[in-house]
Protein backbone atom coordinates (compact mmCIF):
# COMPACT_ATOMS: atom_id res chain seq x y z
CA MET A 1 15.28 12.85 -1.16
CA GLN A 2 12.13 10.93 -0.27
CA ASP A 3 9.35 12.91 1.37
CA PRO A 4 7.08 11.42 4.02
CA ALA A 5 4.04 9.67 2.55
CA PRO A 6 1.71 8.87 5.43
CA ILE A 7 -1.04 6.28 5.40
CA GLU A 8 -4.56 7.71 5.36
CA SER A 9 -7.70 6.42 7.00
CA PRO A 10 -10.50 5.68 4.51
CA LEU A 11 -13.02 6.74 7.16
CA LEU A 12 -11.39 10.09 7.87
CA LYS A 13 -10.46 10.73 4.24
CA ARG A 14 -14.10 10.57 3.15
CA ASN A 15 -14.56 13.91 4.88
CA ALA A 16 -11.68 15.73 3.20
CA GLU A 17 -14.05 18.50 2.12
CA SER A 18 -14.23 19.56 5.77
CA GLY A 19 -10.67 20.85 5.55
CA ILE A 20 -9.29 18.33 8.03
CA ARG A 21 -6.07 16.61 6.99
CA HIS A 22 -4.45 13.66 8.68
CA GLY A 23 -1.74 11.05 8.27
CA PHE A 24 -0.36 7.96 9.99
CA PHE A 25 3.32 8.48 9.19
CA THR A 26 5.66 5.53 8.73
CA ARG A 27 9.42 5.57 9.35
CA GLN A 28 10.00 6.36 5.67
CA GLY A 29 10.89 9.81 4.39
CA GLY A 30 13.23 11.09 7.10
CA VAL A 31 16.91 11.83 7.64
CA SER A 32 17.79 9.69 10.67
CA SER A 33 20.24 6.80 10.31
CA GLY A 34 21.24 3.56 11.99
CA LEU A 35 18.69 2.19 14.46
CA TYR A 36 16.58 5.27 13.81
CA ALA A 37 16.78 5.16 10.02
CA GLY A 38 14.09 7.28 8.46
CA LEU A 39 11.47 9.52 10.02
CA ASN A 40 12.21 9.18 13.73
CA VAL A 41 10.36 11.96 15.56
CA GLY A 42 11.14 10.80 19.11
CA LEU A 43 12.65 13.64 21.12
CA GLY A 44 13.11 11.10 23.91
CA SER A 45 15.26 8.80 21.76
CA ARG A 46 19.05 8.97 21.67
CA ASP A 47 19.00 9.88 17.99
CA SER A 48 20.71 13.04 16.74
CA ARG A 49 18.53 15.91 17.95
CA ASP A 50 19.15 17.79 14.70
CA ASP A 51 17.84 14.81 12.73
CA VAL A 52 14.75 14.51 14.93
CA ILE A 53 14.03 18.23 14.57
CA GLU A 54 14.35 17.96 10.78
CA ASN A 55 12.02 14.97 10.75
CA ARG A 56 9.46 16.89 12.80
CA ARG A 57 9.82 19.82 10.41
CA ARG A 58 8.94 17.50 7.52
CA VAL A 59 5.84 16.28 9.31
CA ALA A 60 4.67 19.84 9.97
CA ALA A 61 5.43 20.79 6.36
CA TYR A 62 3.09 18.04 5.14
CA PHE A 63 0.32 20.11 6.71
CA GLY A 64 1.72 23.37 5.37
CA GLN A 65 2.86 24.48 8.82
CA PRO A 66 6.18 25.46 10.43
CA PRO A 67 7.60 23.04 13.01
CA GLU A 68 6.55 25.20 15.96
CA ARG A 69 2.91 24.46 15.05
CA LEU A 70 3.40 20.71 15.56
CA ALA A 71 1.98 20.03 19.02
CA THR A 72 3.03 16.88 20.86
CA VAL A 73 3.08 15.88 24.53
CA ASN A 74 5.40 14.07 26.89
CA GLN A 75 3.63 10.71 26.74
CA VAL A 76 3.38 8.86 30.04
CA HIS A 77 0.79 6.10 29.38
CA SER A 78 -1.97 8.07 31.09
CA PRO A 79 -5.62 8.81 30.25
CA ASP A 80 -4.89 12.55 30.37
CA VAL A 81 -5.81 15.00 27.60
CA VAL A 82 -4.66 18.57 26.91
CA THR A 83 -6.54 21.19 24.91
CA VAL A 84 -4.42 23.16 22.46
CA ASP A 85 -5.43 26.60 21.19
CA ALA A 86 -3.96 29.56 19.33
CA ALA A 87 -1.73 30.40 22.29
CA TYR A 88 0.28 27.19 21.79
CA ALA A 89 3.99 27.96 22.19
CA GLY A 90 5.66 24.58 21.94
CA GLU A 91 5.10 23.27 25.46
CA ARG A 92 4.98 19.49 25.95
CA PRO A 93 3.02 18.73 29.12
CA SER A 94 2.82 15.17 30.42
CA ALA A 95 -0.32 13.67 28.87
CA ASP A 96 -1.29 11.18 26.17
CA ALA A 97 -3.85 12.98 24.04
CA LEU A 98 -4.51 16.39 22.54
CA VAL A 99 -7.59 18.13 21.13
CA THR A 100 -8.11 21.40 19.30
CA ALA A 101 -10.66 23.47 17.42
CA THR A 102 -7.99 25.90 16.21
CA PRO A 103 -7.02 25.76 12.52
CA GLY A 104 -3.33 25.58 11.72
CA ILE A 105 -2.23 23.53 14.72
CA VAL A 106 -1.00 20.01 13.97
CA LEU A 107 -1.74 17.50 16.73
CA GLY A 108 0.69 14.59 16.85
CA VAL A 109 1.09 11.43 18.93
CA LEU A 110 4.10 9.13 18.83
CA ALA A 111 4.10 5.34 18.90
CA ALA A 112 6.27 2.28 18.42
CA ASP A 113 3.72 -0.51 19.06
CA CYS A 114 1.13 1.42 21.10
CA GLY A 115 -2.01 2.49 19.28
CA PRO A 116 -2.21 5.97 17.75
CA ILE A 117 -5.82 7.16 17.40
CA LEU A 118 -6.86 10.15 15.29
CA PHE A 119 -10.29 11.71 15.86
CA ALA A 120 -12.30 14.23 13.85
CA ASP A 121 -15.70 15.85 13.95
CA PRO A 122 -15.77 17.12 10.37
CA LYS A 123 -19.05 18.99 10.83
CA ASN A 124 -17.96 21.08 13.81
CA ARG A 125 -14.25 21.04 12.87
CA VAL A 126 -12.81 19.67 16.07
CA VAL A 127 -9.95 17.14 16.06
CA GLY A 128 -8.04 14.98 18.50
CA ALA A 129 -5.10 12.61 18.70
CA ALA A 130 -4.45 9.99 21.37
CA HIS A 131 -1.64 7.58 22.28
CA ALA A 132 -3.29 4.39 23.49
CA GLY A 133 -0.94 1.83 24.94
CA TRP A 134 -2.56 -0.86 27.03
CA LYS A 135 -2.77 1.44 30.07
CA GLY A 136 -4.34 4.28 28.14
CA ALA A 137 -6.76 1.95 26.38
CA LEU A 138 -7.77 0.29 29.64
CA PHE A 139 -8.12 3.42 31.73
CA GLY A 140 -9.95 5.66 29.29
CA VAL A 141 -7.73 7.84 27.13
CA ALA A 142 -10.17 7.48 24.21
CA ASP A 143 -13.22 8.36 26.31
CA ASN A 144 -11.40 11.36 27.75
CA THR A 145 -10.38 12.55 24.28
CA ILE A 146 -13.98 12.35 23.09
CA ALA A 147 -15.16 14.28 26.16
CA ALA A 148 -12.54 16.98 25.56
CA MET A 149 -13.63 17.30 21.94
CA ILE A 150 -17.27 17.66 23.01
CA ALA A 151 -16.20 20.43 25.38
CA LEU A 152 -14.85 22.26 22.31
CA GLY A 153 -18.14 21.96 20.42
CA ALA A 154 -17.94 18.50 18.84
CA GLU A 155 -20.97 16.23 18.85
CA ARG A 156 -20.58 12.56 19.70
CA LYS A 157 -22.73 11.49 16.74
CA ASN A 158 -20.33 13.23 14.35
CA ILE A 159 -17.01 12.03 15.77
CA LEU A 160 -14.96 9.62 13.65
CA ALA A 161 -11.87 7.79 14.84
CA CYS A 162 -9.20 5.60 13.31
CA LEU A 163 -6.65 3.39 15.05
CA GLY A 164 -3.36 3.41 13.21
CA PRO A 165 -0.41 1.01 13.07
CA SER A 166 0.07 -0.83 16.37
CA ILE A 167 1.22 -4.20 17.63
CA ALA A 168 -1.23 -6.94 16.67
CA LYS A 169 -2.44 -9.95 18.57
CA ALA A 170 -0.09 -12.38 16.82
CA SER A 171 2.92 -10.33 17.96
CA TYR A 172 1.85 -9.46 21.50
CA GLU A 173 2.39 -12.23 24.05
CA VAL A 174 1.64 -11.29 27.67
CA GLY A 175 1.95 -13.00 31.02
CA PRO A 176 -0.51 -13.96 33.76
CA ASP A 177 -0.23 -10.69 35.69
CA PHE A 178 -1.13 -8.70 32.60
CA PHE A 179 -4.10 -10.97 31.91
CA ALA A 180 -5.30 -10.69 35.51
CA ARG A 181 -5.15 -6.90 35.45
CA PHE A 182 -7.65 -6.78 32.58
CA VAL A 183 -9.96 -9.53 33.74
CA ASP A 184 -10.07 -8.09 37.25
CA GLU A 185 -11.28 -4.84 35.69
CA ASP A 186 -13.99 -6.56 33.61
CA LYS A 187 -14.40 -10.31 33.16
CA GLY A 188 -15.68 -9.68 29.64
CA PHE A 189 -12.20 -8.56 28.62
CA VAL A 190 -11.16 -12.22 28.48
CA ALA A 191 -12.47 -12.12 24.90
CA PHE A 192 -9.33 -10.23 23.86
CA PHE A 193 -6.93 -12.92 25.07
CA THR A 194 -6.04 -16.25 23.44
CA PRO A 195 -3.72 -18.82 25.10
CA SER A 196 -0.31 -18.57 23.46
CA GLY A 197 0.76 -22.16 24.01
CA LYS A 198 3.13 -21.15 26.79
CA GLU A 199 1.67 -21.93 30.21
CA GLY A 200 -0.04 -18.91 31.74
CA HIS A 201 0.65 -16.73 28.72
CA TYR A 202 -1.69 -15.18 26.17
CA GLN A 203 -1.78 -13.33 22.90
CA PHE A 204 -3.45 -9.97 23.58
CA ASP A 205 -5.51 -8.20 20.94
CA LEU A 206 -4.69 -4.57 21.73
CA PRO A 207 -6.12 -3.20 18.44
CA GLY A 208 -9.33 -5.18 18.91
CA PHE A 209 -9.65 -3.99 22.50
CA THR A 210 -9.01 -0.36 21.57
CA THR A 211 -11.43 -0.40 18.65
CA ARG A 212 -14.13 -1.97 20.81
CA ARG A 213 -13.72 0.79 23.39
CA LEU A 214 -14.14 3.40 20.64
CA LEU A 215 -17.31 1.79 19.32
CA GLU A 216 -18.70 1.42 22.83
CA ALA A 217 -18.16 5.15 23.27
CA GLY A 218 -20.78 5.68 20.57
CA ILE A 219 -18.62 6.91 17.71
CA ALA A 220 -17.76 5.57 14.26
CA ALA A 221 -14.34 3.90 14.30
CA GLU A 222 -12.04 1.80 12.17
CA ASN A 223 -8.77 -0.08 12.61
CA LEU A 224 -6.15 0.09 9.86
CA ASP A 225 -5.05 -3.42 10.92
CA LEU A 226 -1.32 -2.79 10.47
CA ASP A 227 1.07 -4.69 12.76
CA THR A 228 4.17 -2.70 13.69
CA TYR A 229 6.20 -5.67 14.98
CA PRO A 230 6.99 -7.65 11.79
CA ASP A 231 7.15 -4.68 9.38
CA SER A 232 10.61 -3.25 10.06
CA GLU A 233 10.71 -1.38 6.73
CA ARG A 234 7.75 0.79 7.60
CA PHE A 235 7.48 0.88 11.38
CA PHE A 236 9.53 1.23 14.53
CA SER A 237 8.66 -1.32 17.22
CA TYR A 238 9.64 -1.24 20.88
CA ARG A 239 9.00 -4.96 21.29
CA ARG A 240 10.99 -5.90 18.19
CA THR A 241 13.88 -3.77 19.42
CA THR A 242 13.70 -5.43 22.84
CA HIS A 243 13.69 -8.93 21.37
CA ALA A 244 16.67 -8.03 19.15
CA GLY A 245 18.64 -6.67 22.11
CA GLU A 246 19.04 -3.26 20.49
CA PRO A 247 19.79 -0.30 22.78
CA ASP A 248 17.11 2.10 21.58
CA TYR A 249 14.35 2.59 19.02
CA GLY A 250 12.66 5.28 16.95
CA ARG A 251 9.10 6.52 17.11
CA GLN A 252 6.68 7.20 14.27
CA ILE A 253 4.05 9.91 14.44
CA SER A 254 0.36 10.11 13.60
CA ALA A 255 -1.02 13.60 13.13
CA ILE A 256 -4.13 15.58 12.28
CA ALA A 257 -4.92 19.24 11.67
CA ILE A 258 -7.75 21.58 10.77
CA MET A 259 -6.46 23.35 7.68
CA GLU A 260 -6.52 27.13 7.59
CA GLU A 261 -8.95 28.62 5.11
């Protein structure tokens, strides 16, 4: 049976000697079937709970940990961050990012078009993971994750971040209300919108916007430049599911951990 083989960030991988391991998992390597075929880790999906639990176990095992050490949150498109420590007991508070300085805890965020961001300060051994949909990206989930890492002993100059698979500009058409929400916040954000050809509609560059916010926060960042929408073999996509009229969709996970010595 195929094991999960996550995509790695070249930027984060260069610091493997720090004992920090990460992976942007695809939908491949799991036990779910049908609409959820593969590695669906979405507890909120209508997939078989046993299959989701087994998929989560496989993700944790990639990091050499039991499933109860895989920390995730109830994602609500917020800028909120939780700090996870050795007392973690499986709780899933409503938030969209996690940070830790505790070895052996795997931080995971789920996505199906939104942007998963993994963070690491390899020098001070502090890590973070954030789910950045357009609301989180606009209202500061990345900045809040960085601040929470600094509170644990990270230094801004040492923090690295990578944006994983997310919906790309060519696949993300938005309407006038969406456009106005961004431009009302900052007129400079117009740079991330291109007219789609349909009156009042635009193609929105969510990965470009998210990466710019990371760089403006003063950290080193990269974008894997992988579009979830057209790549049905590797990625779940909420928008693709919606356009196809399907009743539900799976979620892939991106995860990071400080390995135990």
